PDB file of N, CA and C in Angstrom:
ATOM      1  N   MET A   1       9.564   1.247 -10.823  1.00  0.00           N
ATOM      2  CA  MET A   1       9.847   0.233  -9.837  1.00  0.00           C
ATOM      3  C   MET A   1      11.056  -0.567 -10.284  1.00  0.00           C
ATOM      4  N   LEU A   2      11.912  -0.848  -9.355  1.00  0.00           N
ATOM      5  CA  LEU A   2      13.100  -1.632  -9.636  1.00  0.00           C
ATOM      6  C   LEU A   2      12.767  -3.119  -9.548  1.00  0.00           C
ATOM      7  N   PRO A   3      13.319  -3.935 -10.451  1.00  0.00           N
ATOM      8  CA  PRO A   3      13.030  -5.371 -10.408  1.00  0.00           C
ATOM      9  C   PRO A   3      13.357  -6.004  -9.055  1.00  0.00           C
ATOM     10  N   GLY A   4      14.416  -5.543  -8.395  1.00  0.00           N
ATOM     11  CA  GLY A   4      14.773  -6.076  -7.089  1.00  0.00           C
ATOM     12  C   GLY A   4      13.721  -5.794  -6.042  1.00  0.00           C
ATOM     13  N   ASP A   5      13.097  -4.609  -6.122  1.00  0.00           N
ATOM     14  CA  ASP A   5      12.026  -4.268  -5.185  1.00  0.00           C
ATOM     15  C   ASP A   5      10.847  -5.228  -5.347  1.00  0.00           C
ATOM     16  N   LEU A   6      10.496  -5.506  -6.591  1.00  0.00           N
ATOM     17  CA  LEU A   6       9.388  -6.414  -6.863  1.00  0.00           C
ATOM     18  C   LEU A   6       9.733  -7.819  -6.384  1.00  0.00           C
ATOM     19  N   ALA A   7      10.936  -8.262  -6.690  1.00  0.00           N
ATOM     20  CA  ALA A   7      11.352  -9.601  -6.266  1.00  0.00           C
ATOM     21  C   ALA A   7      11.331  -9.717  -4.745  1.00  0.00           C
ATOM     22  N   ALA A   8      11.807  -8.715  -4.057  1.00  0.00           N
ATOM     23  CA  ALA A   8      11.812  -8.743  -2.591  1.00  0.00           C
ATOM     24  C   ALA A   8      10.390  -8.761  -2.050  1.00  0.00           C
ATOM     25  N   ALA A   9       9.513  -7.975  -2.655  1.00  0.00           N
ATOM     26  CA  ALA A   9       8.125  -7.925  -2.191  1.00  0.00           C
ATOM     27  C   ALA A   9       7.435  -9.271  -2.390  1.00  0.00           C
ATOM     28  N   LEU A  10       7.710  -9.907  -3.508  1.00  0.00           N
ATOM     29  CA  LEU A  10       7.038 -11.164  -3.813  1.00  0.00           C
ATOM     30  C   LEU A  10       7.731 -12.373  -3.193  1.00  0.00           C
ATOM     31  N   ALA A  11       8.856 -12.159  -2.544  1.00  0.00           N
ATOM     32  CA  ALA A  11       9.559 -13.243  -1.859  1.00  0.00           C
ATOM     33  C   ALA A  11       8.887 -13.591  -0.533  1.00  0.00           C
ATOM     34  N   SER A  12       7.956 -12.780  -0.099  1.00  0.00           N
ATOM     35  CA  SER A  12       7.258 -12.998   1.169  1.00  0.00           C
ATOM     36  C   SER A  12       5.995 -13.831   0.943  1.00  0.00           C
ATOM     37  N   ASP A  13       5.901 -14.964   1.628  1.00  0.00           N
ATOM     38  CA  ASP A  13       4.694 -15.786   1.533  1.00  0.00           C
ATOM     39  C   ASP A  13       3.460 -15.017   1.985  1.00  0.00           C
ATOM     40  N   ARG A  14       3.634 -14.161   2.975  1.00  0.00           N
ATOM     41  CA  ARG A  14       2.485 -13.392   3.468  1.00  0.00           C
ATOM     42  C   ARG A  14       1.987 -12.406   2.408  1.00  0.00           C
ATOM     43  N   ARG A  15       2.906 -11.726   1.750  1.00  0.00           N
ATOM     44  CA  ARG A  15       2.486 -10.768   0.714  1.00  0.00           C
ATOM     45  C   ARG A  15       1.866 -11.501  -0.485  1.00  0.00           C
ATOM     46  N   LEU A  16       2.400 -12.661  -0.830  1.00  0.00           N
ATOM     47  CA  LEU A  16       1.802 -13.448  -1.907  1.00  0.00           C
ATOM     48  C   LEU A  16       0.398 -13.915  -1.512  1.00  0.00           C
ATOM     49  N   SER A  17       0.236 -14.297  -0.254  1.00  0.00           N
ATOM     50  CA  SER A  17      -1.097 -14.692   0.217  1.00  0.00           C
ATOM     51  C   SER A  17      -2.077 -13.539   0.112  1.00  0.00           C
ATOM     52  N   ILE A  18      -1.649 -12.356   0.529  1.00  0.00           N
ATOM     53  CA  ILE A  18      -2.519 -11.176   0.438  1.00  0.00           C
ATOM     54  C   ILE A  18      -2.953 -10.954  -1.003  1.00  0.00           C
ATOM     55  N   LEU A  19      -2.017 -10.985  -1.931  1.00  0.00           N
ATOM     56  CA  LEU A  19      -2.353 -10.782  -3.344  1.00  0.00           C
ATOM     57  C   LEU A  19      -3.312 -11.856  -3.841  1.00  0.00           C
ATOM     58  N   ASN A  20      -3.091 -13.087  -3.421  1.00  0.00           N
ATOM     59  CA  ASN A  20      -3.968 -14.181  -3.824  1.00  0.00           C
ATOM     60  C   ASN A  20      -5.370 -13.995  -3.245  1.00  0.00           C
ATOM     61  N   TRP A  21      -5.461 -13.668  -1.971  1.00  0.00           N
ATOM     62  CA  TRP A  21      -6.767 -13.474  -1.343  1.00  0.00           C
ATOM     63  C   TRP A  21      -7.532 -12.325  -1.974  1.00  0.00           C
ATOM     64  N   LEU A  22      -6.818 -11.260  -2.315  1.00  0.00           N
ATOM     65  CA  LEU A  22      -7.490 -10.087  -2.893  1.00  0.00           C
ATOM     66  C   LEU A  22      -7.931 -10.321  -4.338  1.00  0.00           C
ATOM     67  N   LYS A  23      -7.427 -11.379  -4.961  1.00  0.00           N
ATOM     68  CA  LYS A  23      -7.864 -11.703  -6.326  1.00  0.00           C
ATOM     69  C   LYS A  23      -9.347 -12.066  -6.324  1.00  0.00           C
ATOM     70  N   LYS A  24      -9.777 -12.829  -5.315  1.00  0.00           N
ATOM     71  CA  LYS A  24     -11.187 -13.218  -5.157  1.00  0.00           C
ATOM     72  C   LYS A  24     -11.575 -12.996  -3.695  1.00  0.00           C
ATOM     73  N   PRO A  25     -11.764 -11.746  -3.313  1.00  0.00           N
ATOM     74  CA  PRO A  25     -11.974 -11.448  -1.894  1.00  0.00           C
ATOM     75  C   PRO A  25     -13.213 -12.097  -1.283  1.00  0.00           C
ATOM     76  N   ARG A  26     -14.260 -12.302  -2.050  1.00  0.00           N
ATOM     77  CA  ARG A  26     -15.470 -12.920  -1.490  1.00  0.00           C
ATOM     78  C   ARG A  26     -15.236 -14.376  -1.105  1.00  0.00           C
ATOM     79  N   ASP A  27     -14.235 -15.010  -1.726  1.00  0.00           N
ATOM     80  CA  ASP A  27     -13.901 -16.398  -1.373  1.00  0.00           C
ATOM     81  C   ASP A  27     -13.095 -16.481  -0.084  1.00  0.00           C
ATOM     82  N   HIS A  28     -12.490 -15.372   0.339  1.00  0.00           N
ATOM     83  CA  HIS A  28     -11.538 -15.423   1.448  1.00  0.00           C
ATOM     84  C   HIS A  28     -11.902 -14.574   2.663  1.00  0.00           C
ATOM     85  N   PHE A  29     -12.878 -13.679   2.509  1.00  0.00           N
ATOM     86  CA  PHE A  29     -13.210 -12.768   3.608  1.00  0.00           C
ATOM     87  C   PHE A  29     -14.717 -12.706   3.809  1.00  0.00           C
ATOM     88  N   PRO A  30     -15.146 -12.460   5.051  1.00  0.00           N
ATOM     89  CA  PRO A  30     -16.589 -12.322   5.315  1.00  0.00           C
ATOM     90  C   PRO A  30     -17.092 -10.959   4.817  1.00  0.00           C
ATOM     91  N   PRO A  31     -18.403 -10.827   4.682  1.00  0.00           N
ATOM     92  CA  PRO A  31     -18.953  -9.516   4.301  1.00  0.00           C
ATOM     93  C   PRO A  31     -18.547  -8.447   5.324  1.00  0.00           C
ATOM     94  N   GLN A  32     -18.423  -7.224   4.835  1.00  0.00           N
ATOM     95  CA  GLN A  32     -18.025  -6.094   5.681  1.00  0.00           C
ATOM     96  C   GLN A  32     -19.209  -5.169   5.896  1.00  0.00           C
ATOM     97  N   VAL A  33     -19.217  -4.486   7.025  1.00  0.00           N
ATOM     98  CA  VAL A  33     -20.253  -3.492   7.301  1.00  0.00           C
ATOM     99  C   VAL A  33     -20.064  -2.301   6.370  1.00  0.00           C
ATOM    100  N   ASP A  34     -18.834  -1.820   6.276  1.00  0.00           N
ATOM    101  CA  ASP A  34     -18.513  -0.683   5.405  1.00  0.00           C
ATOM    102  C   ASP A  34     -17.704  -1.187   4.223  1.00  0.00           C
ATOM    103  N   GLY A  35     -18.046  -0.738   3.047  1.00  0.00           N
ATOM    104  CA  GLY A  35     -17.275  -1.055   1.860  1.00  0.00           C
ATOM    105  C   GLY A  35     -17.569  -2.418   1.270  1.00  0.00           C
ATOM    106  N   ASP A  36     -17.651  -2.449  -0.043  1.00  0.00           N
ATOM    107  CA  ASP A  36     -17.847  -3.680  -0.797  1.00  0.00           C
ATOM    108  C   ASP A  36     -16.498  -4.374  -0.970  1.00  0.00           C
ATOM    109  N   LEU A  37     -16.440  -5.680  -0.729  1.00  0.00           N
ATOM    110  CA  LEU A  37     -15.181  -6.418  -0.805  1.00  0.00           C
ATOM    111  C   LEU A  37     -14.490  -6.272  -2.155  1.00  0.00           C
ATOM    112  N   VAL A  38     -15.263  -6.242  -3.232  1.00  0.00           N
ATOM    113  CA  VAL A  38     -14.665  -6.163  -4.570  1.00  0.00           C
ATOM    114  C   VAL A  38     -14.428  -4.712  -4.980  1.00  0.00           C
ATOM    115  N   LYS A  39     -15.461  -3.897  -4.879  1.00  0.00           N
ATOM    116  CA  LYS A  39     -15.358  -2.513  -5.352  1.00  0.00           C
ATOM    117  C   LYS A  39     -14.429  -1.658  -4.490  1.00  0.00           C
ATOM    118  N   ASP A  40     -14.556  -1.781  -3.184  1.00  0.00           N
ATOM    119  CA  ASP A  40     -13.783  -0.931  -2.278  1.00  0.00           C
ATOM    120  C   ASP A  40     -12.528  -1.598  -1.737  1.00  0.00           C
ATOM    121  N   GLY A  41     -12.533  -2.910  -1.694  1.00  0.00           N
ATOM    122  CA  GLY A  41     -11.401  -3.642  -1.146  1.00  0.00           C
ATOM    123  C   GLY A  41     -11.723  -4.233   0.210  1.00  0.00           C
ATOM    124  N   VAL A  42     -10.714  -4.869   0.791  1.00  0.00           N
ATOM    125  CA  VAL A  42     -10.861  -5.575   2.061  1.00  0.00           C
ATOM    126  C   VAL A  42     -10.249  -4.737   3.174  1.00  0.00           C
ATOM    127  N   CYS A  43     -10.947  -4.656   4.277  1.00  0.00           N
ATOM    128  CA  CYS A  43     -10.465  -3.904   5.434  1.00  0.00           C
ATOM    129  C   CYS A  43      -9.152  -4.514   5.927  1.00  0.00           C
ATOM    130  N   SER A  44      -8.224  -3.662   6.263  1.00  0.00           N
ATOM    131  CA  SER A  44      -6.911  -4.122   6.726  1.00  0.00           C
ATOM    132  C   SER A  44      -7.018  -4.976   7.991  1.00  0.00           C
ATOM    133  N   VAL A  45      -8.044  -4.747   8.800  1.00  0.00           N
ATOM    134  CA  VAL A  45      -8.238  -5.551  10.013  1.00  0.00           C
ATOM    135  C   VAL A  45      -8.530  -7.009   9.631  1.00  0.00           C
ATOM    136  N   PHE A  46      -9.355  -7.213   8.604  1.00  0.00           N
ATOM    137  CA  PHE A  46      -9.655  -8.570   8.145  1.00  0.00           C
ATOM    138  C   PHE A  46      -8.403  -9.243   7.605  1.00  0.00           C
ATOM    139  N   ILE A  47      -7.588  -8.474   6.890  1.00  0.00           N
ATOM    140  CA  ILE A  47      -6.347  -9.028   6.330  1.00  0.00           C
ATOM    141  C   ILE A  47      -5.406  -9.440   7.460  1.00  0.00           C
ATOM    142  N   ALA A  48      -5.250  -8.580   8.455  1.00  0.00           N
ATOM    143  CA  ALA A  48      -4.392  -8.901   9.601  1.00  0.00           C
ATOM    144  C   ALA A  48      -4.885 -10.160  10.311  1.00  0.00           C
ATOM    145  N   ASN A  49      -6.186 -10.255  10.518  1.00  0.00           N
ATOM    146  CA  ASN A  49      -6.747 -11.426  11.188  1.00  0.00           C
ATOM    147  C   ASN A  49      -6.496 -12.699  10.396  1.00  0.00           C
ATOM    148  N   LYS A  50      -6.682 -12.638   9.085  1.00  0.00           N
ATOM    149  CA  LYS A  50      -6.469 -13.821   8.241  1.00  0.00           C
ATOM    150  C   LYS A  50      -4.995 -14.217   8.221  1.00  0.00           C
ATOM    151  N   LEU A  51      -4.109 -13.238   8.239  1.00  0.00           N
ATOM    152  CA  LEU A  51      -2.673 -13.530   8.295  1.00  0.00           C
ATOM    153  C   LEU A  51      -2.254 -14.068   9.662  1.00  0.00           C
ATOM    154  N   GLY A  52      -3.038 -13.756  10.690  1.00  0.00           N
ATOM    155  CA  GLY A  52      -2.688 -14.153  12.043  1.00  0.00           C
ATOM    156  C   GLY A  52      -1.580 -13.308  12.633  1.00  0.00           C
ATOM    157  N   VAL A  53      -1.566 -12.025  12.239  1.00  0.00           N
ATOM    158  CA  VAL A  53      -0.536 -11.094  12.713  1.00  0.00           C
ATOM    159  C   VAL A  53      -1.205  -9.850  13.290  1.00  0.00           C
ATOM    160  N   THR A  54      -0.401  -9.001  13.919  1.00  0.00           N
ATOM    161  CA  THR A  54      -0.925  -7.740  14.425  1.00  0.00           C
ATOM    162  C   THR A  54      -1.282  -6.828  13.261  1.00  0.00           C
ATOM    163  N   GLN A  55      -2.091  -5.825  13.558  1.00  0.00           N
ATOM    164  CA  GLN A  55      -2.429  -4.855  12.519  1.00  0.00           C
ATOM    165  C   GLN A  55      -1.190  -4.103  12.059  1.00  0.00           C
ATOM    166  N   ALA A  56      -0.253  -3.854  12.969  1.00  0.00           N
ATOM    167  CA  ALA A  56       0.983  -3.158  12.592  1.00  0.00           C
ATOM    168  C   ALA A  56       1.804  -3.989  11.618  1.00  0.00           C
ATOM    169  N   SER A  57       1.896  -5.276  11.863  1.00  0.00           N
ATOM    170  CA  SER A  57       2.643  -6.163  10.957  1.00  0.00           C
ATOM    171  C   SER A  57       1.958  -6.227   9.595  1.00  0.00           C
ATOM    172  N   ALA A  58       0.645  -6.379   9.590  1.00  0.00           N
ATOM    173  CA  ALA A  58      -0.095  -6.402   8.325  1.00  0.00           C
ATOM    174  C   ALA A  58       0.089  -5.089   7.577  1.00  0.00           C
ATOM    175  N   HIS A  59       0.077  -3.983   8.320  1.00  0.00           N
ATOM    176  CA  HIS A  59       0.246  -2.669   7.695  1.00  0.00           C
ATOM    177  C   HIS A  59       1.576  -2.587   6.934  1.00  0.00           C
ATOM    178  N   GLU A  60       2.625  -3.139   7.500  1.00  0.00           N
ATOM    179  CA  GLU A  60       3.929  -3.113   6.819  1.00  0.00           C
ATOM    180  C   GLU A  60       3.868  -3.887   5.505  1.00  0.00           C
ATOM    181  N   HIS A  61       3.248  -5.055   5.511  1.00  0.00           N
ATOM    182  CA  HIS A  61       3.108  -5.838   4.278  1.00  0.00           C
ATOM    183  C   HIS A  61       2.265  -5.080   3.254  1.00  0.00           C
ATOM    184  N   LEU A  62       1.161  -4.508   3.713  1.00  0.00           N
ATOM    185  CA  LEU A  62       0.271  -3.774   2.817  1.00  0.00           C
ATOM    186  C   LEU A  62       0.950  -2.528   2.261  1.00  0.00           C
ATOM    187  N   LYS A  63       1.736  -1.866   3.083  1.00  0.00           N
ATOM    188  CA  LYS A  63       2.453  -0.667   2.652  1.00  0.00           C
ATOM    189  C   LYS A  63       3.436  -1.001   1.531  1.00  0.00           C
ATOM    190  N   ILE A  64       4.140  -2.108   1.646  1.00  0.00           N
ATOM    191  CA  ILE A  64       5.091  -2.524   0.611  1.00  0.00           C
ATOM    192  C   ILE A  64       4.362  -2.814  -0.700  1.00  0.00           C
ATOM    193  N   LEU A  65       3.268  -3.557  -0.620  1.00  0.00           N
ATOM    194  CA  LEU A  65       2.505  -3.870  -1.828  1.00  0.00           C
ATOM    195  C   LEU A  65       1.912  -2.615  -2.460  1.00  0.00           C
ATOM    196  N   ALA A  66       1.449  -1.690  -1.628  1.00  0.00           N
ATOM    197  CA  ALA A  66       0.873  -0.438  -2.146  1.00  0.00           C
ATOM    198  C   ALA A  66       1.945   0.443  -2.770  1.00  0.00           C
ATOM    199  N   ARG A  67       3.121   0.502  -2.142  1.00  0.00           N
ATOM    200  CA  ARG A  67       4.212   1.323  -2.686  1.00  0.00           C
ATOM    201  C   ARG A  67       4.609   0.844  -4.084  1.00  0.00           C
ATOM    202  N   LEU A  68       4.533  -0.456  -4.319  1.00  0.00           N
ATOM    203  CA  LEU A  68       4.864  -1.011  -5.623  1.00  0.00           C
ATOM    204  C   LEU A  68       3.706  -0.905  -6.609  1.00  0.00           C
ATOM    205  N   GLY A  69       2.546  -0.468  -6.132  1.00  0.00           N
ATOM    206  CA  GLY A  69       1.393  -0.301  -7.012  1.00  0.00           C
ATOM    207  C   GLY A  69       0.588  -1.567  -7.217  1.00  0.00           C
ATOM    208  N   LEU A  70       0.906  -2.631  -6.491  1.00  0.00           N
ATOM    209  CA  LEU A  70       0.196  -3.894  -6.669  1.00  0.00           C
ATOM    210  C   LEU A  70      -1.195  -3.872  -6.047  1.00  0.00           C
ATOM    211  N   ILE A  71      -1.358  -3.054  -5.012  1.00  0.00           N
ATOM    212  CA  ILE A  71      -2.665  -2.867  -4.377  1.00  0.00           C
ATOM    213  C   ILE A  71      -2.889  -1.371  -4.171  1.00  0.00           C
ATOM    214  N   THR A  72      -4.156  -1.011  -4.039  1.00  0.00           N
ATOM    215  CA  THR A  72      -4.479   0.394  -3.809  1.00  0.00           C
ATOM    216  C   THR A  72      -5.297   0.518  -2.522  1.00  0.00           C
ATOM    217  N   PRO A  73      -4.948   1.507  -1.705  1.00  0.00           N
ATOM    218  CA  PRO A  73      -5.711   1.735  -0.478  1.00  0.00           C
ATOM    219  C   PRO A  73      -6.879   2.688  -0.721  1.00  0.00           C
ATOM    220  N   LYS A  74      -7.906   2.537   0.093  1.00  0.00           N
ATOM    221  CA  LYS A  74      -9.061   3.438   0.048  1.00  0.00           C
ATOM    222  C   LYS A  74      -9.548   3.621   1.470  1.00  0.00           C
ATOM    223  N   ARG A  75      -9.675   4.874   1.891  1.00  0.00           N
ATOM    224  CA  ARG A  75     -10.168   5.170   3.233  1.00  0.00           C
ATOM    225  C   ARG A  75     -11.691   5.273   3.202  1.00  0.00           C
ATOM    226  N   ILE A  76     -12.313   4.581   4.140  1.00  0.00           N
ATOM    227  CA  ILE A  76     -13.747   4.700   4.382  1.00  0.00           C
ATOM    228  C   ILE A  76     -13.897   4.816   5.889  1.00  0.00           C
ATOM    229  N   LYS A  77     -14.438   5.947   6.308  1.00  0.00           N
ATOM    230  CA  LYS A  77     -14.521   6.270   7.740  1.00  0.00           C
ATOM    231  C   LYS A  77     -13.111   6.176   8.321  1.00  0.00           C
ATOM    232  N   GLN A  78     -12.937   5.408   9.399  1.00  0.00           N
ATOM    233  CA  GLN A  78     -11.613   5.327  10.020  1.00  0.00           C
ATOM    234  C   GLN A  78     -10.827   4.115   9.522  1.00  0.00           C
ATOM    235  N   TRP A  79     -11.349   3.382   8.543  1.00  0.00           N
ATOM    236  CA  TRP A  79     -10.732   2.148   8.079  1.00  0.00           C
ATOM    237  C   TRP A  79     -10.036   2.333   6.738  1.00  0.00           C
ATOM    238  N   THR A  80      -9.034   1.502   6.499  1.00  0.00           N
ATOM    239  CA  THR A  80      -8.385   1.474   5.189  1.00  0.00           C
ATOM    240  C   THR A  80      -8.661   0.125   4.555  1.00  0.00           C
ATOM    241  N   PHE A  81      -9.117   0.184   3.321  1.00  0.00           N
ATOM    242  CA  PHE A  81      -9.464  -1.002   2.546  1.00  0.00           C
ATOM    243  C   PHE A  81      -8.472  -1.135   1.398  1.00  0.00           C
ATOM    244  N   TYR A  82      -8.156  -2.373   1.043  1.00  0.00           N
ATOM    245  CA  TYR A  82      -7.172  -2.619  -0.013  1.00  0.00           C
ATOM    246  C   TYR A  82      -7.754  -3.544  -1.067  1.00  0.00           C
ATOM    247  N   ARG A  83      -7.426  -3.220  -2.317  1.00  0.00           N
ATOM    248  CA  ARG A  83      -7.786  -4.109  -3.424  1.00  0.00           C
ATOM    249  C   ARG A  83      -6.639  -4.146  -4.408  1.00  0.00           C
ATOM    250  N   ARG A  84      -6.603  -5.187  -5.206  1.00  0.00           N
ATOM    251  CA  ARG A  84      -5.539  -5.336  -6.198  1.00  0.00           C
ATOM    252  C   ARG A  84      -5.677  -4.273  -7.280  1.00  0.00           C
ATOM    253  N   ASP A  85      -4.550  -3.826  -7.798  1.00  0.00           N
ATOM    254  CA  ASP A  85      -4.543  -2.935  -8.953  1.00  0.00           C
ATOM    255  C   ASP A  85      -4.250  -3.813 -10.161  1.00  0.00           C
ATOM    256  N   GLU A  86      -5.316  -4.306 -10.778  1.00  0.00           N
ATOM    257  CA  GLU A  86      -5.173  -5.273 -11.866  1.00  0.00           C
ATOM    258  C   GLU A  86      -4.412  -4.715 -13.062  1.00  0.00           C
ATOM    259  N   ALA A  87      -4.567  -3.428 -13.338  1.00  0.00           N
ATOM    260  CA  ALA A  87      -3.844  -2.826 -14.461  1.00  0.00           C
ATOM    261  C   ALA A  87      -2.340  -2.847 -14.194  1.00  0.00           C
ATOM    262  N   CYS A  88      -1.942  -2.512 -12.997  1.00  0.00           N
ATOM    263  CA  CYS A  88      -0.525  -2.527 -12.640  1.00  0.00           C
ATOM    264  C   CYS A  88       0.016  -3.950 -12.679  1.00  0.00           C
ATOM    265  N   ILE A  89      -0.737  -4.889 -12.142  1.00  0.00           N
ATOM    266  CA  ILE A  89      -0.297  -6.281 -12.125  1.00  0.00           C
ATOM    267  C   ILE A  89      -0.153  -6.815 -13.548  1.00  0.00           C
ATOM    268  N   ALA A  90      -1.089  -6.487 -14.428  1.00  0.00           N
ATOM    269  CA  ALA A  90      -1.009  -6.922 -15.822  1.00  0.00           C
ATOM    270  C   ALA A  90       0.226  -6.332 -16.505  1.00  0.00           C
ATOM    271  N   ALA A  91       0.497  -5.059 -16.245  1.00  0.00           N
ATOM    272  CA  ALA A  91       1.670  -4.411 -16.836  1.00  0.00           C
ATOM    273  C   ALA A  91       2.959  -5.062 -16.333  1.00  0.00           C
ATOM    274  N   LEU A  92       3.000  -5.398 -15.046  1.00  0.00           N
ATOM    275  CA  LEU A  92       4.183  -6.065 -14.496  1.00  0.00           C
ATOM    276  C   LEU A  92       4.368  -7.447 -15.096  1.00  0.00           C
ATOM    277  N   LYS A  93       3.275  -8.190 -15.258  1.00  0.00           N
ATOM    278  CA  LYS A  93       3.352  -9.519 -15.873  1.00  0.00           C
ATOM    279  C   LYS A  93       3.896  -9.410 -17.304  1.00  0.00           C
ATOM    280  N   LYS A  94       3.401  -8.422 -18.030  1.00  0.00           N
ATOM    281  CA  LYS A  94       3.852  -8.231 -19.410  1.00  0.00           C
ATOM    282  C   LYS A  94       5.337  -7.873 -19.442  1.00  0.00           C
ATOM    283  N   ALA A  95       5.752  -6.971 -18.571  1.00  0.00           N
ATOM    284  CA  ALA A  95       7.163  -6.560 -18.533  1.00  0.00           C
ATOM    285  C   ALA A  95       8.049  -7.736 -18.163  1.00  0.00           C
ATOM    286  N   LEU A  96       7.620  -8.558 -17.213  1.00  0.00           N
ATOM    287  CA  LEU A  96       8.409  -9.727 -16.841  1.00  0.00           C
ATOM    288  C   LEU A  96       8.502 -10.722 -17.996  1.00  0.00           C
ATOM    289  N   ALA A  97       7.386 -10.937 -18.674  1.00  0.00           N
ATOM    290  CA  ALA A  97       7.373 -11.879 -19.808  1.00  0.00           C
ATOM    291  C   ALA A  97       8.330 -11.413 -20.903  1.00  0.00           C
ATOM    292  N   GLU A  98       8.411 -10.116 -21.115  1.00  0.00           N
ATOM    293  CA  GLU A  98       9.306  -9.575 -22.150  1.00  0.00           C
ATOM    294  C   GLU A  98      10.771  -9.709 -21.750  1.00  0.00           C
ATOM    295  N   GLN A  99      11.044  -9.730 -20.447  1.00  0.00           N
ATOM    296  CA  GLN A  99      12.410  -9.824 -19.966  1.00  0.00           C
ATOM    297  C   GLN A  99      12.928 -11.273 -19.954  1.00  0.00           C
ATOM    298  N   LEU A 100      12.001 -12.226 -19.857  1.00  0.00           N
ATOM    299  CA  LEU A 100      12.419 -13.641 -19.732  1.00  0.00           C
ATOM    300  C   LEU A 100      12.555 -14.332 -21.058  1.00  0.00           C
TER     301      LEU A 100
END
């Protein structure tokens, strides 16, 4: 991943909100019929609703975060669920700390 890609991704308040909400999903989202909020992730529909945007707009934000490895998608039935990739985030934090 290029540092500019990460900086651009994290320059979005919406993407930062998504990452923050997914840190403690039970604090920010209601229970789901399918999938555990922590183990499986949060349904993209819930994320779109919380952001107050269309599912297509939320999908673009989620796609950027997933491409950078900050979140991971998981399909359950016809839904896509997202959760943070803590190992990737920790590695990025360490790399940034070493650069600063």
